[in-house]
């Protein structure tokens, strides 16, 4: 059974969001949420609870520390509404390859902005196109899950800003230009796609442009 809603959320504020110098000494996957980020996760849980009502949830989460912690904050609010949670590396953040000095990261971002947010590949890392490919593979897993008996009414995906936008691009068949026009969602911003009468999903959450 296809879920009524697919709910995506970017993780809460991380140590890297608070202070970019942390990227110099802490691997990207190991960055934790700040106190604010932990609070944001619980508030997001309240928002999601209003979205699902009495429905149940199947969660898919990135294995990065900050997404795990965001999920834990949400789960503390949703409680028994969550009937399953799968970690899936295919919804992780764009891979930057290795530890970098903040100045190097800034230069990379400037180069990417000049070249293409989608096509530019990080040295030793990924491009947006690479993320698109692995998200496409993740879709195949979800589609198989949708065919299970008594699949929950809602899907929750706890991921990262770029991956969230790539997910929407892939699902809604956006062009590269439409993807690149989008701003990054805020920390713990909830984005909802809802199934309409035709069985297709439409975006019901407003998104900010760059």
N, C-alpha and C. Protein backbone atom coordinates (compact mmCIF):
# COMPACT_ATOMS: atom_id res chain seq x y z
N UNK A 1 0.84 -1.20 0.00
CA UNK A 1 0.00 0.00 0.00
C UNK A 1 0.87 1.25 0.00
N UNK A 2 0.65 2.11 -0.95
CA UNK A 2 1.41 3.36 -1.00
C UNK A 2 1.02 4.24 0.19
N UNK A 3 1.99 4.88 0.82
CA UNK A 3 1.67 5.76 1.95
C UNK A 3 0.90 7.00 1.51
N UNK A 4 0.10 7.53 2.43
CA UNK A 4 -0.64 8.75 2.13
C UNK A 4 0.31 9.95 2.04
N UNK A 5 1.31 9.94 2.91
CA UNK A 5 2.24 11.07 2.95
C UNK A 5 3.68 10.58 3.01
N UNK A 6 4.55 11.30 2.32
CA UNK A 6 5.99 11.11 2.43
C UNK A 6 6.54 12.39 3.04
N UNK A 7 7.08 12.26 4.24
CA UNK A 7 7.54 13.42 5.00
C UNK A 7 9.07 13.40 5.05
N UNK A 8 9.68 14.46 4.57
CA UNK A 8 11.13 14.57 4.58
C UNK A 8 11.54 15.66 5.56
N UNK A 9 12.68 15.45 6.20
CA UNK A 9 13.16 16.47 7.13
C UNK A 9 14.69 16.51 7.10
N UNK A 10 15.21 17.70 7.09
CA UNK A 10 16.65 17.89 7.25
C UNK A 10 16.97 17.81 8.74
N UNK A 11 18.15 17.32 9.06
CA UNK A 11 18.58 17.22 10.46
C UNK A 11 18.58 18.57 11.17
N UNK A 12 18.61 18.53 12.50
CA UNK A 12 18.70 19.76 13.29
C UNK A 12 20.08 20.38 13.21
N UNK A 13 20.23 21.54 13.86
CA UNK A 13 21.52 22.24 13.82
C UNK A 13 22.63 21.33 14.34
N UNK A 14 23.70 21.22 13.56
CA UNK A 14 24.82 20.36 13.93
C UNK A 14 26.01 21.21 14.38
N UNK A 15 27.02 20.52 14.90
CA UNK A 15 28.25 21.21 15.30
C UNK A 15 28.89 21.90 14.10
N UNK A 16 28.73 21.33 12.92
CA UNK A 16 29.27 21.95 11.71
C UNK A 16 28.49 23.17 11.28
N UNK A 17 27.16 23.15 11.48
CA UNK A 17 26.34 24.32 11.18
C UNK A 17 26.67 25.47 12.12
N UNK A 18 26.93 25.13 13.38
CA UNK A 18 27.21 26.15 14.39
C UNK A 18 28.60 26.76 14.20
N UNK A 19 29.58 25.92 13.87
CA UNK A 19 30.96 26.38 13.73
C UNK A 19 31.64 25.56 12.63
N UNK A 20 31.85 26.18 11.48
CA UNK A 20 32.39 25.46 10.33
C UNK A 20 33.81 24.94 10.55
N UNK A 21 34.52 25.48 11.55
CA UNK A 21 35.87 24.99 11.82
C UNK A 21 35.85 23.54 12.32
N UNK A 22 34.70 23.07 12.77
CA UNK A 22 34.60 21.68 13.22
C UNK A 22 34.82 20.69 12.08
N UNK A 23 34.57 21.14 10.84
CA UNK A 23 34.80 20.25 9.69
C UNK A 23 36.28 19.94 9.51
N UNK A 24 37.15 20.73 10.16
CA UNK A 24 38.59 20.53 10.02
C UNK A 24 39.07 19.35 10.87
N UNK A 25 38.35 19.05 11.96
CA UNK A 25 38.83 18.05 12.91
C UNK A 25 37.86 16.88 13.13
N UNK A 26 36.60 17.04 12.72
CA UNK A 26 35.60 15.99 12.95
C UNK A 26 35.09 15.50 11.60
N UNK A 27 35.13 14.19 11.36
CA UNK A 27 34.56 13.69 10.10
C UNK A 27 33.10 14.09 9.97
N UNK A 28 32.66 14.35 8.75
CA UNK A 28 31.30 14.84 8.52
C UNK A 28 30.25 13.94 9.16
N UNK A 29 30.44 12.61 9.03
CA UNK A 29 29.43 11.69 9.56
C UNK A 29 29.33 11.74 11.08
N UNK A 30 30.41 12.21 11.75
CA UNK A 30 30.48 12.16 13.21
C UNK A 30 30.07 13.46 13.89
N UNK A 31 29.66 14.46 13.13
CA UNK A 31 29.20 15.71 13.73
C UNK A 31 27.88 15.48 14.46
N UNK A 32 27.82 15.94 15.70
CA UNK A 32 26.62 15.77 16.52
C UNK A 32 25.71 16.98 16.42
N UNK A 33 24.50 16.83 16.93
CA UNK A 33 23.60 17.97 17.06
C UNK A 33 24.04 18.85 18.22
N UNK A 34 23.79 20.13 18.10
CA UNK A 34 23.97 21.06 19.21
C UNK A 34 22.75 20.96 20.12
N UNK A 35 22.78 21.67 21.24
CA UNK A 35 21.61 21.70 22.13
C UNK A 35 20.40 22.25 21.38
N UNK A 36 20.64 23.27 20.55
CA UNK A 36 19.55 23.83 19.75
C UNK A 36 19.02 22.77 18.78
N UNK A 37 19.93 22.03 18.16
CA UNK A 37 19.52 20.99 17.22
C UNK A 37 18.67 19.92 17.88
N UNK A 38 19.02 19.54 19.10
CA UNK A 38 18.23 18.54 19.84
C UNK A 38 16.83 19.07 20.12
N UNK A 39 16.75 20.35 20.47
CA UNK A 39 15.45 20.98 20.72
C UNK A 39 14.64 21.07 19.43
N UNK A 40 15.30 21.40 18.33
CA UNK A 40 14.62 21.49 17.03
C UNK A 40 14.00 20.14 16.65
N UNK A 41 14.71 19.07 16.95
CA UNK A 41 14.22 17.73 16.59
C UNK A 41 12.91 17.42 17.31
N UNK A 42 12.84 17.76 18.58
CA UNK A 42 11.61 17.49 19.33
C UNK A 42 10.46 18.37 18.84
N UNK A 43 10.76 19.61 18.51
CA UNK A 43 9.71 20.48 17.97
C UNK A 43 9.22 19.96 16.62
N UNK A 44 10.16 19.45 15.82
CA UNK A 44 9.77 18.87 14.53
C UNK A 44 8.88 17.65 14.75
N UNK A 45 9.16 16.89 15.80
CA UNK A 45 8.32 15.75 16.12
C UNK A 45 6.88 16.16 16.36
N UNK A 46 6.68 17.29 17.01
CA UNK A 46 5.32 17.79 17.25
C UNK A 46 4.64 18.17 15.93
N UNK A 47 5.40 18.79 15.04
CA UNK A 47 4.86 19.16 13.72
C UNK A 47 4.46 17.91 12.94
N UNK A 48 5.33 16.91 12.96
CA UNK A 48 5.05 15.67 12.23
C UNK A 48 3.86 14.94 12.83
N UNK A 49 3.72 14.97 14.14
CA UNK A 49 2.58 14.32 14.80
C UNK A 49 1.27 14.92 14.32
N UNK A 50 1.25 16.23 14.13
CA UNK A 50 0.05 16.89 13.60
C UNK A 50 -0.23 16.43 12.17
N UNK A 51 0.82 16.20 11.40
CA UNK A 51 0.67 15.77 10.01
C UNK A 51 0.08 14.36 9.91
N UNK A 52 0.51 13.47 10.79
CA UNK A 52 0.11 12.07 10.65
C UNK A 52 -1.15 11.74 11.43
N UNK A 53 -1.53 12.57 12.39
CA UNK A 53 -2.72 12.29 13.19
C UNK A 53 -2.58 10.97 13.93
N UNK A 54 -3.50 10.05 13.68
CA UNK A 54 -3.45 8.74 14.34
C UNK A 54 -2.77 7.68 13.47
N UNK A 55 -2.15 8.12 12.37
CA UNK A 55 -1.52 7.18 11.44
C UNK A 55 -0.20 6.64 11.96
N UNK A 56 0.30 5.62 11.25
CA UNK A 56 1.57 5.01 11.59
C UNK A 56 2.66 5.46 10.62
N UNK A 57 3.91 5.18 10.99
CA UNK A 57 5.06 5.70 10.24
C UNK A 57 6.12 4.63 10.03
N UNK A 58 6.65 4.58 8.82
CA UNK A 58 7.87 3.84 8.53
C UNK A 58 8.96 4.88 8.28
N UNK A 59 10.04 4.80 9.04
CA UNK A 59 11.12 5.78 8.93
C UNK A 59 12.32 5.20 8.17
N UNK A 60 12.97 6.06 7.41
CA UNK A 60 14.24 5.76 6.76
C UNK A 60 15.18 6.90 7.14
N UNK A 61 16.38 6.56 7.62
CA UNK A 61 17.25 7.63 8.09
C UNK A 61 18.68 7.45 7.58
N UNK A 62 19.35 8.58 7.40
CA UNK A 62 20.78 8.58 7.12
C UNK A 62 21.52 8.08 8.36
N UNK A 63 22.62 7.33 8.19
CA UNK A 63 23.35 6.82 9.35
C UNK A 63 24.28 7.83 10.01
N UNK A 64 24.34 9.06 9.53
CA UNK A 64 25.19 10.07 10.17
C UNK A 64 24.68 10.35 11.58
N UNK A 65 25.59 10.73 12.47
CA UNK A 65 25.22 10.94 13.87
C UNK A 65 24.10 11.97 14.01
N UNK A 66 24.19 13.05 13.26
CA UNK A 66 23.23 14.14 13.43
C UNK A 66 21.83 13.75 12.96
N UNK A 67 21.76 12.88 11.96
CA UNK A 67 20.44 12.42 11.51
C UNK A 67 19.87 11.38 12.46
N UNK A 68 20.73 10.52 13.00
CA UNK A 68 20.28 9.57 14.02
C UNK A 68 19.70 10.33 15.22
N UNK A 69 20.42 11.35 15.66
CA UNK A 69 19.97 12.11 16.83
C UNK A 69 18.69 12.88 16.54
N UNK A 70 18.56 13.37 15.31
CA UNK A 70 17.32 14.05 14.93
C UNK A 70 16.16 13.06 14.97
N UNK A 71 16.39 11.88 14.43
CA UNK A 71 15.34 10.85 14.46
C UNK A 71 14.96 10.51 15.90
N UNK A 72 15.94 10.37 16.77
CA UNK A 72 15.65 10.03 18.16
C UNK A 72 14.77 11.09 18.82
N UNK A 73 15.05 12.36 18.51
CA UNK A 73 14.22 13.44 19.05
C UNK A 73 12.80 13.37 18.53
N UNK A 74 12.65 13.10 17.25
CA UNK A 74 11.32 12.97 16.65
C UNK A 74 10.59 11.76 17.23
N UNK A 75 11.32 10.63 17.34
CA UNK A 75 10.72 9.39 17.84
C UNK A 75 10.25 9.53 19.29
N UNK A 76 10.92 10.39 20.06
CA UNK A 76 10.51 10.58 21.45
C UNK A 76 9.14 11.22 21.53
N UNK A 77 8.73 11.89 20.46
CA UNK A 77 7.40 12.51 20.40
C UNK A 77 6.38 11.57 19.74
N UNK A 78 6.79 10.91 18.66
CA UNK A 78 5.86 10.06 17.91
C UNK A 78 5.56 8.74 18.62
N UNK A 79 6.51 8.25 19.39
CA UNK A 79 6.28 7.03 20.17
C UNK A 79 5.90 5.83 19.33
N UNK A 80 4.80 5.18 19.72
CA UNK A 80 4.37 3.93 19.07
C UNK A 80 3.84 4.13 17.65
N UNK A 81 3.70 5.37 17.21
CA UNK A 81 3.27 5.61 15.83
C UNK A 81 4.31 5.10 14.84
N UNK A 82 5.57 5.03 15.28
CA UNK A 82 6.64 4.52 14.42
C UNK A 82 6.67 3.01 14.52
N UNK A 83 6.42 2.34 13.41
CA UNK A 83 6.39 0.87 13.41
C UNK A 83 7.66 0.26 12.84
N UNK A 84 8.52 1.08 12.25
CA UNK A 84 9.78 0.58 11.72
C UNK A 84 10.73 1.71 11.39
N UNK A 85 12.03 1.43 11.49
CA UNK A 85 13.04 2.43 11.14
C UNK A 85 14.23 1.72 10.50
N UNK A 86 14.57 2.12 9.29
CA UNK A 86 15.71 1.54 8.58
C UNK A 86 16.76 2.61 8.32
N UNK A 87 18.01 2.33 8.69
CA UNK A 87 19.11 3.20 8.30
C UNK A 87 19.50 2.86 6.86
N UNK A 88 19.73 3.88 6.05
CA UNK A 88 20.11 3.63 4.66
C UNK A 88 21.16 4.65 4.23
N UNK A 89 22.39 4.22 3.96
CA UNK A 89 23.46 5.14 3.57
C UNK A 89 23.17 5.92 2.29
N UNK A 90 22.20 5.45 1.51
CA UNK A 90 21.92 6.14 0.24
C UNK A 90 21.23 7.48 0.45
N UNK A 91 20.73 7.75 1.66
CA UNK A 91 20.15 9.07 1.93
C UNK A 91 21.08 9.91 2.80
N UNK A 92 22.38 9.56 2.79
CA UNK A 92 23.37 10.34 3.54
C UNK A 92 23.66 11.66 2.82
N UNK A 93 24.48 12.49 3.46
CA UNK A 93 24.89 13.77 2.88
C UNK A 93 25.79 13.55 1.66
N UNK A 94 25.87 14.56 0.81
CA UNK A 94 26.85 14.54 -0.27
C UNK A 94 28.23 14.32 0.33
N UNK A 95 28.98 13.40 -0.23
CA UNK A 95 30.29 13.03 0.30
C UNK A 95 31.33 14.06 -0.13
N UNK A 96 31.98 14.68 0.88
CA UNK A 96 33.02 15.66 0.60
C UNK A 96 34.41 15.03 0.58
N UNK A 97 34.51 13.75 0.89
CA UNK A 97 35.76 13.02 0.70
C UNK A 97 36.65 12.87 1.91
N UNK A 98 36.94 13.97 2.60
CA UNK A 98 37.87 13.89 3.73
C UNK A 98 37.79 15.19 4.52
N UNK A 99 38.54 15.24 5.63
CA UNK A 99 38.58 16.45 6.45
C UNK A 99 39.17 17.60 5.64
N UNK A 100 38.59 18.78 5.81
CA UNK A 100 39.07 19.95 5.06
C UNK A 100 39.14 21.17 5.98
N UNK A 101 40.11 22.02 5.71
CA UNK A 101 40.17 23.30 6.40
C UNK A 101 38.98 24.14 5.94
N UNK A 102 38.37 24.92 6.86
CA UNK A 102 37.22 25.75 6.46
C UNK A 102 37.46 26.62 5.24
N UNK A 103 38.69 27.12 5.08
CA UNK A 103 38.99 27.95 3.90
C UNK A 103 38.91 27.12 2.62
N UNK A 104 39.36 25.86 2.69
CA UNK A 104 39.27 24.98 1.53
C UNK A 104 37.81 24.69 1.18
N UNK A 105 37.00 24.48 2.22
CA UNK A 105 35.57 24.22 1.99
C UNK A 105 34.90 25.43 1.35
N UNK A 106 35.30 26.62 1.82
CA UNK A 106 34.72 27.85 1.26
C UNK A 106 35.07 27.98 -0.22
N UNK A 107 36.33 27.69 -0.57
CA UNK A 107 36.76 27.77 -1.97
C UNK A 107 36.00 26.77 -2.83
N UNK A 108 35.81 25.56 -2.30
CA UNK A 108 35.05 24.54 -3.03
C UNK A 108 33.62 25.00 -3.30
N UNK A 109 33.00 25.59 -2.27
CA UNK A 109 31.63 26.07 -2.44
C UNK A 109 31.56 27.17 -3.50
N UNK A 110 32.56 28.07 -3.48
CA UNK A 110 32.58 29.14 -4.47
C UNK A 110 32.74 28.57 -5.88
N UNK A 111 33.63 27.58 -6.03
CA UNK A 111 33.82 26.95 -7.34
C UNK A 111 32.54 26.25 -7.79
N UNK A 112 31.90 25.55 -6.86
CA UNK A 112 30.67 24.83 -7.20
C UNK A 112 29.58 25.79 -7.62
N UNK A 113 29.47 26.92 -6.92
CA UNK A 113 28.45 27.91 -7.27
C UNK A 113 28.67 28.48 -8.66
N UNK A 114 29.93 28.63 -9.05
CA UNK A 114 30.24 29.16 -10.37
C UNK A 114 30.03 28.11 -11.46
N UNK A 115 30.34 26.86 -11.14
CA UNK A 115 30.28 25.79 -12.15
C UNK A 115 28.87 25.22 -12.26
N UNK A 116 28.41 24.55 -11.21
CA UNK A 116 27.06 23.98 -11.18
C UNK A 116 26.86 23.29 -9.84
N UNK A 117 25.75 23.60 -9.18
CA UNK A 117 25.44 22.94 -7.91
C UNK A 117 25.17 21.45 -8.12
N UNK A 118 24.74 21.09 -9.31
CA UNK A 118 24.38 19.70 -9.58
C UNK A 118 25.55 18.90 -10.15
N UNK A 119 26.27 19.47 -11.09
CA UNK A 119 27.29 18.70 -11.82
C UNK A 119 28.68 18.75 -11.18
N UNK A 120 28.96 19.73 -10.35
CA UNK A 120 30.31 19.89 -9.79
C UNK A 120 30.63 18.75 -8.84
N UNK A 121 31.74 18.07 -9.08
CA UNK A 121 32.15 16.96 -8.21
C UNK A 121 33.28 17.40 -7.29
N UNK A 122 33.08 17.15 -5.99
CA UNK A 122 34.12 17.43 -5.02
C UNK A 122 35.33 16.53 -5.28
N UNK A 123 36.54 17.05 -5.08
CA UNK A 123 37.73 16.22 -5.18
C UNK A 123 37.64 15.12 -4.12
N UNK A 124 37.75 13.88 -4.54
CA UNK A 124 37.62 12.70 -3.66
C UNK A 124 36.20 12.53 -3.13
N UNK A 125 35.25 13.30 -3.64
CA UNK A 125 33.88 13.22 -3.13
C UNK A 125 32.87 13.03 -4.25
N UNK A 126 31.67 13.59 -4.05
CA UNK A 126 30.56 13.37 -4.96
C UNK A 126 30.06 14.67 -5.59
N UNK A 127 29.38 14.51 -6.70
CA UNK A 127 28.61 15.60 -7.30
C UNK A 127 27.15 15.40 -6.94
N UNK A 128 26.33 16.41 -7.24
CA UNK A 128 24.89 16.25 -7.06
C UNK A 128 24.36 15.12 -7.92
N UNK A 129 24.95 14.95 -9.11
CA UNK A 129 24.52 13.87 -10.01
C UNK A 129 24.79 12.50 -9.39
N UNK A 130 25.89 12.38 -8.65
CA UNK A 130 26.18 11.12 -7.96
C UNK A 130 25.13 10.84 -6.89
N UNK A 131 24.75 11.88 -6.15
CA UNK A 131 23.72 11.73 -5.12
C UNK A 131 22.40 11.33 -5.77
N UNK A 132 22.10 11.91 -6.92
CA UNK A 132 20.89 11.58 -7.67
C UNK A 132 20.84 10.08 -7.98
N UNK A 133 21.97 9.53 -8.39
CA UNK A 133 22.01 8.11 -8.75
C UNK A 133 21.73 7.21 -7.55
N UNK A 134 22.33 7.52 -6.41
CA UNK A 134 22.09 6.64 -5.25
C UNK A 134 20.70 6.84 -4.67
N UNK A 135 20.16 8.05 -4.76
CA UNK A 135 18.77 8.26 -4.33
C UNK A 135 17.82 7.46 -5.22
N UNK A 136 18.14 7.37 -6.51
CA UNK A 136 17.32 6.56 -7.42
C UNK A 136 17.30 5.10 -6.99
N UNK A 137 18.44 4.60 -6.53
CA UNK A 137 18.50 3.24 -6.02
C UNK A 137 17.69 3.07 -4.75
N UNK A 138 17.68 4.10 -3.92
CA UNK A 138 16.88 4.07 -2.69
C UNK A 138 15.39 3.98 -3.02
N UNK A 139 14.98 4.66 -4.08
CA UNK A 139 13.57 4.60 -4.49
C UNK A 139 13.13 3.15 -4.73
N UNK A 140 14.01 2.36 -5.35
CA UNK A 140 13.66 0.97 -5.64
C UNK A 140 13.35 0.21 -4.36
N UNK A 141 14.12 0.47 -3.32
CA UNK A 141 13.86 -0.17 -2.02
C UNK A 141 12.52 0.27 -1.46
N UNK A 142 12.24 1.56 -1.53
CA UNK A 142 10.96 2.06 -1.03
C UNK A 142 9.79 1.45 -1.79
N UNK A 143 9.91 1.39 -3.11
CA UNK A 143 8.82 0.84 -3.92
C UNK A 143 8.52 -0.60 -3.52
N UNK A 144 9.57 -1.38 -3.25
CA UNK A 144 9.36 -2.76 -2.80
C UNK A 144 8.66 -2.78 -1.45
N UNK A 145 9.06 -1.88 -0.57
CA UNK A 145 8.43 -1.82 0.75
C UNK A 145 6.96 -1.44 0.64
N UNK A 146 6.65 -0.56 -0.29
CA UNK A 146 5.25 -0.12 -0.46
C UNK A 146 4.32 -1.29 -0.77
N UNK A 147 4.87 -2.35 -1.36
CA UNK A 147 4.05 -3.50 -1.76
C UNK A 147 3.75 -4.44 -0.60
N UNK A 148 4.38 -4.20 0.54
CA UNK A 148 4.15 -5.07 1.70
C UNK A 148 2.74 -4.86 2.25
N UNK A 149 2.17 -5.93 2.78
CA UNK A 149 0.86 -5.82 3.41
C UNK A 149 0.96 -4.92 4.64
N UNK A 150 -0.06 -4.12 4.83
CA UNK A 150 -0.15 -3.24 6.01
C UNK A 150 1.04 -2.30 6.13
N UNK A 151 1.54 -1.84 4.98
CA UNK A 151 2.60 -0.83 5.05
C UNK A 151 2.01 0.43 5.68
N UNK A 152 2.76 1.12 6.55
CA UNK A 152 2.23 2.29 7.26
C UNK A 152 1.69 3.38 6.34
N UNK A 153 0.82 4.21 6.90
CA UNK A 153 0.18 5.28 6.12
C UNK A 153 1.13 6.42 5.78
N UNK A 154 2.27 6.47 6.47
CA UNK A 154 3.20 7.58 6.29
C UNK A 154 4.64 7.09 6.23
N UNK A 155 5.44 7.78 5.45
CA UNK A 155 6.88 7.55 5.39
C UNK A 155 7.58 8.79 5.93
N UNK A 156 8.60 8.59 6.76
CA UNK A 156 9.42 9.68 7.27
C UNK A 156 10.86 9.42 6.83
N UNK A 157 11.47 10.42 6.20
CA UNK A 157 12.86 10.31 5.76
C UNK A 157 13.66 11.42 6.44
N UNK A 158 14.60 11.01 7.29
CA UNK A 158 15.44 11.97 8.01
C UNK A 158 16.78 12.01 7.28
N UNK A 159 17.07 13.15 6.67
CA UNK A 159 18.20 13.22 5.76
C UNK A 159 18.92 14.56 5.87
N UNK A 160 19.48 15.02 4.78
CA UNK A 160 20.32 16.22 4.74
C UNK A 160 19.78 17.17 3.67
N UNK A 161 20.21 18.42 3.75
CA UNK A 161 19.64 19.44 2.88
C UNK A 161 19.74 19.15 1.39
N UNK A 162 20.95 18.83 0.94
CA UNK A 162 21.12 18.57 -0.49
C UNK A 162 20.38 17.30 -0.91
N UNK A 163 20.50 16.26 -0.09
CA UNK A 163 19.85 14.99 -0.43
C UNK A 163 18.34 15.14 -0.47
N UNK A 164 17.80 15.95 0.42
CA UNK A 164 16.35 16.21 0.42
C UNK A 164 15.93 16.85 -0.90
N UNK A 165 16.68 17.84 -1.36
CA UNK A 165 16.34 18.51 -2.61
C UNK A 165 16.50 17.58 -3.81
N UNK A 166 17.54 16.75 -3.79
CA UNK A 166 17.74 15.77 -4.86
C UNK A 166 16.60 14.76 -4.87
N UNK A 167 16.14 14.35 -3.69
CA UNK A 167 15.01 13.43 -3.59
C UNK A 167 13.79 14.03 -4.29
N UNK A 168 13.49 15.28 -3.98
CA UNK A 168 12.33 15.94 -4.60
C UNK A 168 12.52 16.07 -6.11
N UNK A 169 13.73 16.42 -6.52
CA UNK A 169 14.03 16.54 -7.95
C UNK A 169 13.75 15.23 -8.68
N UNK A 170 14.23 14.14 -8.10
CA UNK A 170 14.06 12.82 -8.72
C UNK A 170 12.60 12.40 -8.73
N UNK A 171 11.92 12.59 -7.60
CA UNK A 171 10.53 12.13 -7.49
C UNK A 171 9.58 12.94 -8.36
N UNK A 172 9.77 14.25 -8.35
CA UNK A 172 8.85 15.14 -9.05
C UNK A 172 9.31 15.48 -10.46
N UNK A 173 10.39 14.86 -10.90
CA UNK A 173 10.90 15.02 -12.27
C UNK A 173 11.26 16.48 -12.58
N UNK A 174 11.93 17.13 -11.63
CA UNK A 174 12.38 18.49 -11.86
C UNK A 174 13.60 18.49 -12.78
N UNK A 175 13.81 19.59 -13.46
CA UNK A 175 15.01 19.77 -14.26
C UNK A 175 16.18 20.16 -13.36
N UNK A 176 17.38 20.09 -13.92
CA UNK A 176 18.56 20.54 -13.17
C UNK A 176 18.41 22.00 -12.78
N UNK A 177 17.87 22.81 -13.69
CA UNK A 177 17.70 24.24 -13.41
C UNK A 177 16.71 24.48 -12.27
N UNK A 178 15.66 23.69 -12.23
CA UNK A 178 14.68 23.83 -11.14
C UNK A 178 15.31 23.43 -9.81
N UNK A 179 16.11 22.37 -9.83
CA UNK A 179 16.81 21.97 -8.61
C UNK A 179 17.76 23.07 -8.14
N UNK A 180 18.54 23.62 -9.05
CA UNK A 180 19.55 24.61 -8.67
C UNK A 180 18.93 25.92 -8.21
N UNK A 181 17.66 26.14 -8.52
CA UNK A 181 16.99 27.37 -8.08
C UNK A 181 16.55 27.30 -6.62
N UNK A 182 16.55 26.10 -6.05
CA UNK A 182 16.07 25.93 -4.67
C UNK A 182 17.14 26.29 -3.65
N UNK A 183 16.71 26.93 -2.58
CA UNK A 183 17.59 27.19 -1.45
C UNK A 183 17.64 25.93 -0.58
N UNK A 184 18.66 25.83 0.25
CA UNK A 184 18.75 24.71 1.17
C UNK A 184 17.66 24.84 2.23
N UNK A 185 16.96 23.77 2.58
CA UNK A 185 15.95 23.87 3.65
C UNK A 185 16.62 24.16 4.98
N UNK A 186 15.89 24.75 5.89
CA UNK A 186 16.42 25.05 7.21
C UNK A 186 16.59 23.80 8.04
N UNK A 187 17.34 23.92 9.13
CA UNK A 187 17.49 22.78 10.04
C UNK A 187 16.14 22.36 10.59
N UNK A 188 15.85 21.08 10.48
CA UNK A 188 14.59 20.48 10.94
C UNK A 188 13.36 21.05 10.22
N UNK A 189 13.57 21.57 9.01
CA UNK A 189 12.41 21.97 8.20
C UNK A 189 11.70 20.71 7.70
N UNK A 190 10.39 20.68 7.89
CA UNK A 190 9.57 19.54 7.49
C UNK A 190 8.99 19.80 6.10
N UNK A 191 9.19 18.86 5.19
CA UNK A 191 8.70 18.97 3.82
C UNK A 191 7.78 17.77 3.55
N UNK A 192 6.55 18.05 3.10
CA UNK A 192 5.54 17.00 2.96
C UNK A 192 5.11 16.84 1.50
N UNK A 193 5.05 15.59 1.06
CA UNK A 193 4.41 15.22 -0.20
C UNK A 193 3.19 14.37 0.14
N UNK A 194 2.06 14.70 -0.44
CA UNK A 194 0.81 14.00 -0.12
C UNK A 194 0.20 13.39 -1.37
N UNK A 195 -0.32 12.18 -1.22
CA UNK A 195 -0.93 11.48 -2.35
C UNK A 195 -2.29 12.10 -2.67
N UNK A 196 -2.51 12.40 -3.95
CA UNK A 196 -3.79 12.99 -4.35
C UNK A 196 -4.75 11.90 -4.82
N UNK A 197 -5.90 12.30 -5.33
CA UNK A 197 -6.93 11.33 -5.73
C UNK A 197 -6.48 10.43 -6.87
N UNK A 198 -5.53 10.90 -7.67
CA UNK A 198 -5.02 10.11 -8.79
C UNK A 198 -3.91 9.14 -8.37
N UNK A 199 -3.57 9.16 -7.08
CA UNK A 199 -2.51 8.29 -6.60
C UNK A 199 -1.12 8.85 -6.78
N UNK A 200 -1.03 10.09 -7.28
CA UNK A 200 0.26 10.74 -7.46
C UNK A 200 0.53 11.64 -6.26
N UNK A 201 1.82 11.91 -6.05
CA UNK A 201 2.20 12.74 -4.91
C UNK A 201 2.44 14.18 -5.36
N UNK A 202 1.95 15.10 -4.55
CA UNK A 202 2.19 16.51 -4.81
C UNK A 202 2.81 17.16 -3.58
N UNK A 203 3.68 18.10 -3.83
CA UNK A 203 4.36 18.81 -2.76
C UNK A 203 3.39 19.79 -2.12
N UNK A 204 3.22 19.70 -0.81
CA UNK A 204 2.29 20.58 -0.11
C UNK A 204 3.01 21.58 0.79
N UNK A 205 4.33 21.52 0.83
CA UNK A 205 5.11 22.44 1.66
C UNK A 205 5.80 23.49 0.79
N UNK A 206 5.77 24.75 1.19
CA UNK A 206 6.46 25.78 0.41
C UNK A 206 7.97 25.64 0.54
N UNK A 207 8.68 25.89 -0.53
CA UNK A 207 10.14 25.84 -0.53
C UNK A 207 10.69 27.19 -0.95
N UNK A 208 11.78 27.58 -0.34
CA UNK A 208 12.38 28.88 -0.60
C UNK A 208 13.35 28.79 -1.78
N UNK A 209 13.31 29.80 -2.64
CA UNK A 209 14.25 29.86 -3.76
C UNK A 209 15.52 30.59 -3.35
N UNK A 210 16.61 30.31 -4.06
CA UNK A 210 17.90 30.94 -3.78
C UNK A 210 17.85 32.42 -4.12
